């Protein structure tokens, strides 16, 4: 007496093989998508947060200096107008 049907055993082997193939395809698709995203993002000019903060601080200092110089210029022009 056979406890296992050969047809069922073949079907199970086929399904195991298909599952392995599907897992491999999924892994390959995921890696391919990651590579495409890296290539796309790599071509763009993004800055680090530290660089952004440094430029932001520089702009704030420049703005303050500009306001001081503008006030001095207004005072000089007012003095010359008298």
C-alpha atoms as a PDB file:
ATOM      1  CA  UNK A   1       0.000   0.000   0.000  1.00  0.00           C
ATOM      2  CA  UNK A   2       1.261   3.397  -0.955  1.00  0.00           C
ATOM      3  CA  UNK A   3       0.580   6.164   1.500  1.00  0.00           C
ATOM      4  CA  UNK A   4       1.218   8.940  -1.024  1.00  0.00           C
ATOM      5  CA  UNK A   5      -0.340   9.492  -4.388  1.00  0.00           C
ATOM      6  CA  UNK A   6       2.430  10.136  -6.995  1.00  0.00           C
ATOM      7  CA  UNK A   7       0.220  12.654  -8.762  1.00  0.00           C
ATOM      8  CA  UNK A   8      -0.176  14.705  -5.566  1.00  0.00           C
ATOM      9  CA  UNK A   9       3.564  14.445  -4.868  1.00  0.00           C
ATOM     10  CA  UNK A  10       4.339  15.791  -8.362  1.00  0.00           C
ATOM     11  CA  UNK A  11       1.828  18.602  -7.891  1.00  0.00           C
ATOM     12  CA  UNK A  12       3.417  19.560  -4.557  1.00  0.00           C
ATOM     13  CA  UNK A  13       6.884  19.570  -6.164  1.00  0.00           C
ATOM     14  CA  UNK A  14       5.562  21.744  -8.972  1.00  0.00           C
ATOM     15  CA  UNK A  15       4.011  24.209  -6.505  1.00  0.00           C
ATOM     16  CA  UNK A  16       7.200  24.334  -4.428  1.00  0.00           C
ATOM     17  CA  UNK A  17       9.194  25.106  -7.545  1.00  0.00           C
ATOM     18  CA  UNK A  18       6.704  27.772  -8.614  1.00  0.00           C
ATOM     19  CA  UNK A  19       6.812  29.359  -5.151  1.00  0.00           C
ATOM     20  CA  UNK A  20      10.614  29.479  -5.255  1.00  0.00           C
ATOM     21  CA  UNK A  21      10.559  30.993  -8.724  1.00  0.00           C
ATOM     22  CA  UNK A  22       7.979  33.571  -7.676  1.00  0.00           C
ATOM     23  CA  UNK A  23      10.044  34.498  -4.600  1.00  0.00           C
ATOM     24  CA  UNK A  24      13.115  34.947  -6.800  1.00  0.00           C
ATOM     25  CA  UNK A  25      11.201  37.109  -9.263  1.00  0.00           C
ATOM     26  CA  UNK A  26       9.865  39.249  -6.417  1.00  0.00           C
ATOM     27  CA  UNK A  27      13.353  39.716  -4.985  1.00  0.00           C
ATOM     28  CA  UNK A  28      14.732  40.602  -8.420  1.00  0.00           C
ATOM     29  CA  UNK A  29      11.935  43.110  -9.084  1.00  0.00           C
ATOM     30  CA  UNK A  30      12.495  44.768  -5.699  1.00  0.00           C
ATOM     31  CA  UNK A  31      16.243  45.083  -6.313  1.00  0.00           C
ATOM     32  CA  UNK A  32      15.659  46.431  -9.799  1.00  0.00           C
ATOM     33  CA  UNK A  33      13.229  49.049  -8.478  1.00  0.00           C
ATOM     34  CA  UNK A  34      15.732  50.100  -5.799  1.00  0.00           C
ATOM     35  CA  UNK A  35      18.451  50.498  -8.419  1.00  0.00           C
ATOM     36  CA  UNK A  36      16.189  52.617 -10.629  1.00  0.00           C
ATOM     37  CA  UNK A  37      15.270  54.851  -7.696  1.00  0.00           C
ATOM     38  CA  UNK A  38      18.935  55.227  -6.711  1.00  0.00           C
ATOM     39  CA  UNK A  39      19.844  56.178 -10.286  1.00  0.00           C
ATOM     40  CA  UNK A  40      16.995  58.684 -10.469  1.00  0.00           C
ATOM     41  CA  UNK A  41      17.758  60.235  -7.096  1.00  0.00           C
ATOM     42  CA  UNK A  42      21.493  60.218  -7.762  1.00  0.00           C
ATOM     43  CA  UNK A  43      21.041  62.434 -10.807  1.00  0.00           C
ATOM     44  CA  UNK A  44      19.294  65.096  -8.749  1.00  0.00           C
ATOM     45  CA  UNK A  45      21.199  67.711  -6.801  1.00  0.00           C
ATOM     46  CA  UNK A  46      20.028  67.283  -3.228  1.00  0.00           C
ATOM     47  CA  UNK A  47      21.817  68.884  -0.298  1.00  0.00           C
ATOM     48  CA  UNK A  48      22.419  67.542   3.174  1.00  0.00           C
ATOM     49  CA  UNK A  49      20.518  69.036   6.067  1.00  0.00           C
ATOM     50  CA  UNK A  50      23.773  70.459   7.475  1.00  0.00           C
ATOM     51  CA  UNK A  51      24.524  72.250   4.202  1.00  0.00           C
ATOM     52  CA  UNK A  52      20.981  73.606   4.046  1.00  0.00           C
ATOM     53  CA  UNK A  53      21.179  74.925   7.615  1.00  0.00           C
ATOM     54  CA  UNK A  54      24.562  76.548   6.925  1.00  0.00           C
ATOM     55  CA  UNK A  55      23.242  78.380   3.859  1.00  0.00           C
ATOM     56  CA  UNK A  56      20.106  79.376   5.753  1.00  0.00           C
ATOM     57  CA  UNK A  57      22.271  80.910   8.527  1.00  0.00           C
ATOM     58  CA  UNK A  58      24.393  82.720   5.937  1.00  0.00           C
ATOM     59  CA  UNK A  59      21.270  84.173   4.333  1.00  0.00           C
ATOM     60  CA  UNK A  60      19.951  85.355   7.712  1.00  0.00           C
ATOM     61  CA  UNK A  61      23.280  87.071   8.498  1.00  0.00           C
ATOM     62  CA  UNK A  62      23.355  88.689   5.064  1.00  0.00           C
ATOM     63  CA  UNK A  63      19.790  89.933   5.557  1.00  0.00           C
ATOM     64  CA  UNK A  64      20.696  91.460   8.941  1.00  0.00           C
ATOM     65  CA  UNK A  65      23.772  93.135   7.486  1.00  0.00           C
ATOM     66  CA  UNK A  66      21.714  94.452   4.583  1.00  0.00           C
ATOM     67  CA  UNK A  67      19.190  95.977   6.997  1.00  0.00           C
ATOM     68  CA  UNK A  68      21.990  97.642   9.023  1.00  0.00           C
ATOM     69  CA  UNK A  69      23.608  99.047   5.883  1.00  0.00           C
ATOM     70  CA  UNK A  70      20.235 100.269   4.645  1.00  0.00           C
ATOM     71  CA  UNK A  71      19.652 102.102   7.947  1.00  0.00           C
ATOM     72  CA  UNK A  72      23.135 103.665   7.760  1.00  0.00           C
ATOM     73  CA  UNK A  73      22.516 104.740   4.177  1.00  0.00           C
ATOM     74  CA  UNK A  74      19.184 106.300   5.151  1.00  0.00           C
ATOM     75  CA  UNK A  75      20.899 108.195   7.967  1.00  0.00           C
ATOM     76  CA  UNK A  76      23.666 109.441   5.653  1.00  0.00           C
ATOM     77  CA  UNK A  77      21.127 110.531   3.016  1.00  0.00           C
ATOM     78  CA  UNK A  78      19.074 112.336   5.655  1.00  0.00           C
ATOM     79  CA  UNK A  79      22.216 114.109   6.903  1.00  0.00           C
ATOM     80  CA  UNK A  80      23.162 115.144   3.359  1.00  0.00           C
ATOM     81  CA  UNK A  81      19.663 116.368   2.625  1.00  0.00           C
ATOM     82  CA  UNK A  82      19.899 118.964   5.415  1.00  0.00           C
END
